Amino acid sequence: MTTATAERLRIIAPIVVGLVFLGVWQLLVGVVGVSDYLLPSPAAIAEEFVAFAPAIADATLVTGTNALIGLVVGTILAVVLAALAARWQAVDGMSAPIVAALAVVPIVALAPVLNSMFGADSQFGRQAIAALASFVPVFVNTLRGLRQTRPVHRDLMRSYAASSAQAFRVVTLPTAAPFLLTGIRIASSLAVISALVAEYFGGPRGGLGSFISTSAATSAYARAWAYVAAAIALGLLFFLATAALERLVLRRISPGGAR
C-alpha cells in the first residue's frame, strides 16, 4: 500500500463509518420505532439544524470565542509557569500542588460561582473555566518537554559560548515543541467542552450550552441534538486546527524542514 493510498484511507474510513452509523441510527428510529423522546432521527435533527441555522451559527460563535480565548490565555500562562518551573526548583515545588489542585476542580461547582462573581452579562467566567481546563495539560506537557534537553547538548552550547537565549532557541525549544503542541491539541478539546458545560450554569444567553439546556427543557429534543451536533463540529474544528498547527510547526523544526 502506497503512502498516498494510506492517507486517503485514513480520511475516507471515518467518513464511511460515520455514514454507516447515521444509517443505523435512522433505521432504529424509523423502522424499529425508537421514540423521538429517547432518540430523534438524524433526518429530524437535520431539519431542525437547517431551520435554526442562523441561531446555531451565532451560538457556535459565542462558545467558540470563549473556548478560543480560554485556550490562548491558558496556554500562555502554562508555558510561562512551565518555563519558570523548569528553570528554578523552588518554583517547581510550589507549582506542583497548585497544578494538581487545578486538575480536579469541578466545572459544575466553579461555573455558578464565577457567573455570580462577574455578573450575569459577562462571558469572563466561561472564558476563565476554559483557560483553567487548558492550563493543566499544556503545563504538564510543556514542563516535561523542557526537561528533555540532554545535558551534553547544553554543555555543547556552552562550549560554543552561546547565550542562554540562544541555547533556549536552538536546543531547548525544538526539543520541547512536540510536547507543547501535544498539550495544546489535548487542551483544545477540553476548552470547548469546558466552555460548553459552563454555559449550563447561568451567565449570559447565547452559547451552545444554553440553547441545548433550553431546548431539552422545552421538549424540543431534535433541536437540542442540532445544537449538540454544532458543538461536536466546533470541537472537531478546534482539534483539527491544533493538529494542523502541530504538523506545520514540527515540519518546520525538523532537520529537513524549511526554516
Protein backbone atom coordinates (compact mmCIF):
# COMPACT_ATOMS: atom_id res chain seq x y z
CA MET A 1 0.00 0.00 0.00
CA THR A 2 1.43 3.35 -1.03
CA THR A 3 1.63 6.35 1.26
CA ALA A 4 -0.95 8.25 -0.81
CA THR A 5 -3.41 5.34 -0.62
CA ALA A 6 -2.92 5.02 3.12
CA GLU A 7 -3.53 8.75 3.52
CA ARG A 8 -6.76 8.56 1.51
CA LEU A 9 -7.96 5.57 3.51
CA ARG A 10 -7.22 7.42 6.74
CA ILE A 11 -9.56 10.20 5.60
CA ILE A 12 -12.25 8.08 3.93
CA ALA A 13 -12.59 5.42 6.66
CA PRO A 14 -14.01 7.73 9.38
CA ILE A 15 -16.46 9.23 6.85
CA VAL A 16 -17.71 5.78 5.86
CA VAL A 17 -18.06 4.73 9.49
CA GLY A 18 -19.98 7.93 10.24
CA LEU A 19 -22.38 7.39 7.34
CA VAL A 20 -23.00 3.80 8.41
CA PHE A 21 -23.63 4.97 11.97
CA LEU A 22 -26.16 7.55 10.77
CA GLY A 23 -27.86 4.93 8.60
CA VAL A 24 -28.23 2.53 11.53
CA TRP A 25 -29.48 5.40 13.69
CA GLN A 26 -32.15 6.33 11.13
CA LEU A 27 -33.12 2.68 10.83
CA LEU A 28 -33.58 2.33 14.58
CA VAL A 29 -35.84 5.35 14.75
CA GLY A 30 -37.78 4.85 11.53
CA VAL A 31 -38.15 1.05 11.38
CA VAL A 32 -37.63 -0.29 14.87
CA GLY A 33 -39.69 2.55 16.31
CA VAL A 34 -37.44 4.13 18.91
CA SER A 35 -39.30 7.09 20.44
CA ASP A 36 -38.23 10.60 19.44
CA TYR A 37 -38.21 11.35 23.16
CA LEU A 38 -35.32 8.93 23.57
CA LEU A 39 -33.55 9.44 20.25
CA PRO A 40 -34.66 11.83 17.48
CA SER A 41 -33.88 10.68 13.95
CA PRO A 42 -30.95 12.18 12.01
CA ALA A 43 -33.46 13.50 9.48
CA ALA A 44 -35.38 15.38 12.20
CA ILE A 45 -32.14 16.75 13.63
CA ALA A 46 -31.00 17.88 10.17
CA GLU A 47 -34.36 19.58 9.62
CA GLU A 48 -34.02 21.50 12.89
CA PHE A 49 -30.42 22.33 12.07
CA VAL A 50 -31.44 23.93 8.78
CA ALA A 51 -34.43 25.73 10.33
CA PHE A 52 -32.36 27.25 13.14
CA ALA A 53 -29.09 27.62 11.24
CA PRO A 54 -28.63 31.37 11.99
CA ALA A 55 -29.21 30.86 15.73
CA ILE A 56 -26.92 27.83 15.75
CA ALA A 57 -24.20 29.79 13.94
CA ASP A 58 -24.44 32.66 16.45
CA ALA A 59 -24.34 30.27 19.41
CA THR A 60 -21.36 28.43 17.94
CA LEU A 61 -19.53 31.73 17.53
CA VAL A 62 -20.15 32.64 21.18
CA THR A 63 -18.98 29.28 22.52
CA GLY A 64 -16.07 29.13 20.08
CA THR A 65 -14.89 32.61 21.08
CA ASN A 66 -14.98 31.76 24.77
CA ALA A 67 -13.13 28.50 24.14
CA LEU A 68 -10.50 30.18 21.96
CA ILE A 69 -9.83 32.96 24.46
CA GLY A 70 -9.58 30.40 27.25
CA LEU A 71 -7.25 28.20 25.21
CA VAL A 72 -4.90 31.07 24.32
CA VAL A 73 -4.79 32.52 27.84
CA GLY A 74 -4.42 29.11 29.49
CA THR A 75 -1.64 28.16 27.08
CA ILE A 76 0.32 31.36 27.67
CA LEU A 77 0.08 31.06 31.45
CA ALA A 78 1.01 27.36 31.32
CA VAL A 79 4.07 27.94 29.12
CA VAL A 80 5.33 30.79 31.31
CA LEU A 81 4.89 28.83 34.53
CA ALA A 82 6.41 25.69 33.00
CA ALA A 83 9.45 27.67 31.87
CA LEU A 84 9.89 29.07 35.38
CA ALA A 85 9.40 25.64 36.95
CA ALA A 86 11.96 24.11 34.61
CA ARG A 87 14.44 26.87 35.42
CA TRP A 88 14.03 27.07 39.21
CA GLN A 89 13.42 24.11 41.51
CA ALA A 90 11.64 26.31 44.07
CA VAL A 91 9.01 27.34 41.52
CA ASP A 92 8.60 23.70 40.51
CA GLY A 93 7.99 22.68 44.09
CA MET A 94 5.42 25.41 44.63
CA SER A 95 3.59 24.88 41.35
CA ALA A 96 3.18 21.09 41.63
CA PRO A 97 0.43 21.10 44.32
CA ILE A 98 -1.32 24.06 42.68
CA VAL A 99 -1.48 22.32 39.31
CA ALA A 100 -2.65 19.11 40.96
CA ALA A 101 -5.45 21.03 42.68
CA LEU A 102 -6.47 22.80 39.48
CA ALA A 103 -6.67 19.46 37.66
CA VAL A 104 -9.50 18.26 39.91
CA VAL A 105 -11.55 21.46 40.21
CA PRO A 106 -15.14 20.53 39.20
CA ILE A 107 -16.57 22.75 36.48
CA VAL A 108 -20.12 22.24 37.76
CA ALA A 109 -19.14 23.80 41.08
CA LEU A 110 -16.91 26.57 39.74
CA ALA A 111 -19.13 27.83 36.90
CA PRO A 112 -22.00 29.16 39.09
CA VAL A 113 -19.52 30.83 41.43
CA LEU A 114 -17.73 32.67 38.62
CA ASN A 115 -21.01 33.65 36.97
CA SER A 116 -22.17 35.15 40.27
CA MET A 117 -18.86 36.93 40.84
CA PHE A 118 -18.64 38.60 37.44
CA GLY A 119 -22.32 39.16 36.70
CA ALA A 120 -24.96 37.61 34.50
CA ASP A 121 -23.89 39.62 31.45
CA SER A 122 -20.18 38.72 31.50
CA GLN A 123 -18.57 35.94 29.49
CA PHE A 124 -15.46 36.11 31.68
CA GLY A 125 -16.49 33.22 33.91
CA ARG A 126 -16.80 30.86 30.94
CA GLN A 127 -13.53 32.03 29.46
CA ALA A 128 -11.81 31.56 32.82
CA ILE A 129 -13.11 27.99 33.06
CA ALA A 130 -11.88 27.23 29.54
CA ALA A 131 -8.49 28.72 30.45
CA LEU A 132 -8.35 26.62 33.59
CA ALA A 133 -9.14 23.44 31.66
CA SER A 134 -6.49 24.30 29.06
CA PHE A 135 -3.81 25.21 31.57
CA VAL A 136 -3.19 21.79 33.12
CA PRO A 137 -2.43 19.64 30.03
CA VAL A 138 -0.31 22.38 28.44
CA PHE A 139 1.67 22.92 31.64
CA VAL A 140 2.31 19.22 32.24
CA ASN A 141 3.38 18.54 28.67
CA THR A 142 5.47 21.69 28.32
CA LEU A 143 7.31 21.07 31.59
CA ARG A 144 8.10 17.54 30.50
CA GLY A 145 9.34 18.78 27.14
CA LEU A 146 11.58 21.43 28.69
CA ARG A 147 13.23 18.71 30.75
CA GLN A 148 14.04 16.54 27.74
CA THR A 149 17.13 18.51 26.74
CA ARG A 150 20.20 16.38 27.28
CA PRO A 151 22.97 17.80 29.47
CA VAL A 152 25.51 17.06 26.75
CA HIS A 153 23.63 19.38 24.40
CA ARG A 154 23.61 22.17 26.96
CA ASP A 155 27.32 21.65 27.56
CA LEU A 156 27.93 21.83 23.82
CA MET A 157 26.12 25.16 23.60
CA ARG A 158 28.18 26.49 26.50
CA SER A 159 31.37 25.38 24.78
CA TYR A 160 30.29 27.47 21.80
CA ALA A 161 29.84 30.45 24.15
CA ALA A 162 26.12 30.59 23.33
CA SER A 163 23.93 32.76 25.50
CA SER A 164 21.01 31.37 27.47
CA ALA A 165 18.59 32.79 24.93
CA GLN A 166 20.48 31.18 22.04
CA ALA A 167 20.62 27.82 23.83
CA PHE A 168 16.90 28.00 24.51
CA ARG A 169 16.08 28.84 20.88
CA VAL A 170 18.41 26.30 19.27
CA VAL A 171 18.19 23.34 21.67
CA THR A 172 15.53 23.60 24.36
CA LEU A 173 12.64 24.98 22.33
CA PRO A 174 12.83 22.49 19.42
CA THR A 175 13.06 19.64 21.92
CA ALA A 176 10.07 20.86 23.92
CA ALA A 177 7.93 21.87 20.91
CA PRO A 178 6.37 18.41 20.26
CA PHE A 179 5.34 18.13 23.90
CA LEU A 180 3.93 21.67 23.95
CA LEU A 181 1.94 21.09 20.77
CA THR A 182 0.56 17.82 22.10
CA GLY A 183 -0.60 19.66 25.21
CA ILE A 184 -2.30 22.32 23.09
CA ARG A 185 -4.02 19.67 20.98
CA ILE A 186 -5.40 18.00 24.11
CA ALA A 187 -6.35 21.33 25.65
CA SER A 188 -8.27 22.46 22.55
CA SER A 189 -10.97 19.84 23.08
CA LEU A 190 -11.06 20.48 26.82
CA ALA A 191 -11.50 24.21 26.22
CA VAL A 192 -14.57 23.62 24.06
CA ILE A 193 -16.08 21.12 26.49
CA SER A 194 -15.46 23.39 29.48
CA ALA A 195 -16.91 26.48 27.81
CA LEU A 196 -19.93 24.44 26.73
CA VAL A 197 -20.56 22.95 30.17
CA ALA A 198 -20.11 26.33 31.86
CA GLU A 199 -22.97 27.69 29.77
CA TYR A 200 -25.37 25.33 31.53
CA PHE A 201 -24.98 27.19 34.83
CA GLY A 202 -26.18 30.72 34.26
CA GLY A 203 -24.44 33.68 32.74
CA PRO A 204 -25.44 35.42 29.50
CA ARG A 205 -27.54 33.51 27.00
CA GLY A 206 -26.28 32.83 23.52
CA GLY A 207 -23.89 29.88 23.79
CA LEU A 208 -24.49 26.33 22.61
CA GLY A 209 -24.78 25.01 26.16
CA SER A 210 -27.54 27.48 26.99
CA PHE A 211 -29.58 26.52 23.93
CA ILE A 212 -29.06 22.79 24.49
CA SER A 213 -30.45 23.03 28.03
CA THR A 214 -33.29 25.34 26.98
CA SER A 215 -34.32 23.12 24.06
CA ALA A 216 -34.23 19.99 26.18
CA ALA A 217 -36.26 21.70 28.92
CA THR A 218 -38.99 22.59 26.40
CA SER A 219 -39.02 19.03 24.96
CA ALA A 220 -37.56 20.21 21.63
CA TYR A 221 -35.21 17.23 21.57
CA ALA A 222 -34.39 17.30 17.87
CA ARG A 223 -33.44 20.96 18.20
CA ALA A 224 -31.29 20.16 21.24
CA TRP A 225 -29.50 17.48 19.21
CA ALA A 226 -28.96 20.02 16.42
CA TYR A 227 -27.11 22.23 18.90
CA VAL A 228 -25.20 19.17 20.11
CA ALA A 229 -24.16 18.48 16.52
CA ALA A 230 -22.86 22.05 16.27
CA ALA A 231 -20.90 21.55 19.49
CA ILE A 232 -19.36 18.37 18.09
CA ALA A 233 -18.41 20.20 14.89
CA LEU A 234 -16.86 23.01 16.95
CA GLY A 235 -14.80 20.55 18.98
CA LEU A 236 -13.61 18.83 15.81
CA LEU A 237 -12.69 22.18 14.29
CA PHE A 238 -10.53 23.08 17.30
CA PHE A 239 -8.90 19.65 17.28
CA LEU A 240 -8.16 19.69 13.55
CA ALA A 241 -6.83 23.26 13.70
CA THR A 242 -4.40 22.44 16.52
CA ALA A 243 -3.42 19.17 14.81
CA ALA A 244 -2.65 21.11 11.63
CA LEU A 245 -0.64 23.63 13.65
CA GLU A 246 1.30 20.79 15.25
CA ARG A 247 2.07 19.23 11.89
CA LEU A 248 3.15 22.54 10.39
CA VAL A 249 5.44 23.51 13.27
CA LEU A 250 7.04 20.08 13.57
CA ARG A 251 7.69 20.05 9.84
CA ARG A 252 9.44 23.40 10.07
CA ILE A 253 11.64 22.50 13.02
CA SER A 254 12.54 19.02 11.74
CA PRO A 255 16.09 18.62 10.43
CA GLY A 256 14.92 18.53 6.82
CA GLY A 257 12.12 21.06 7.17
CA ALA A 258 12.01 24.62 5.96
CA ARG A 259 13.23 27.35 8.25
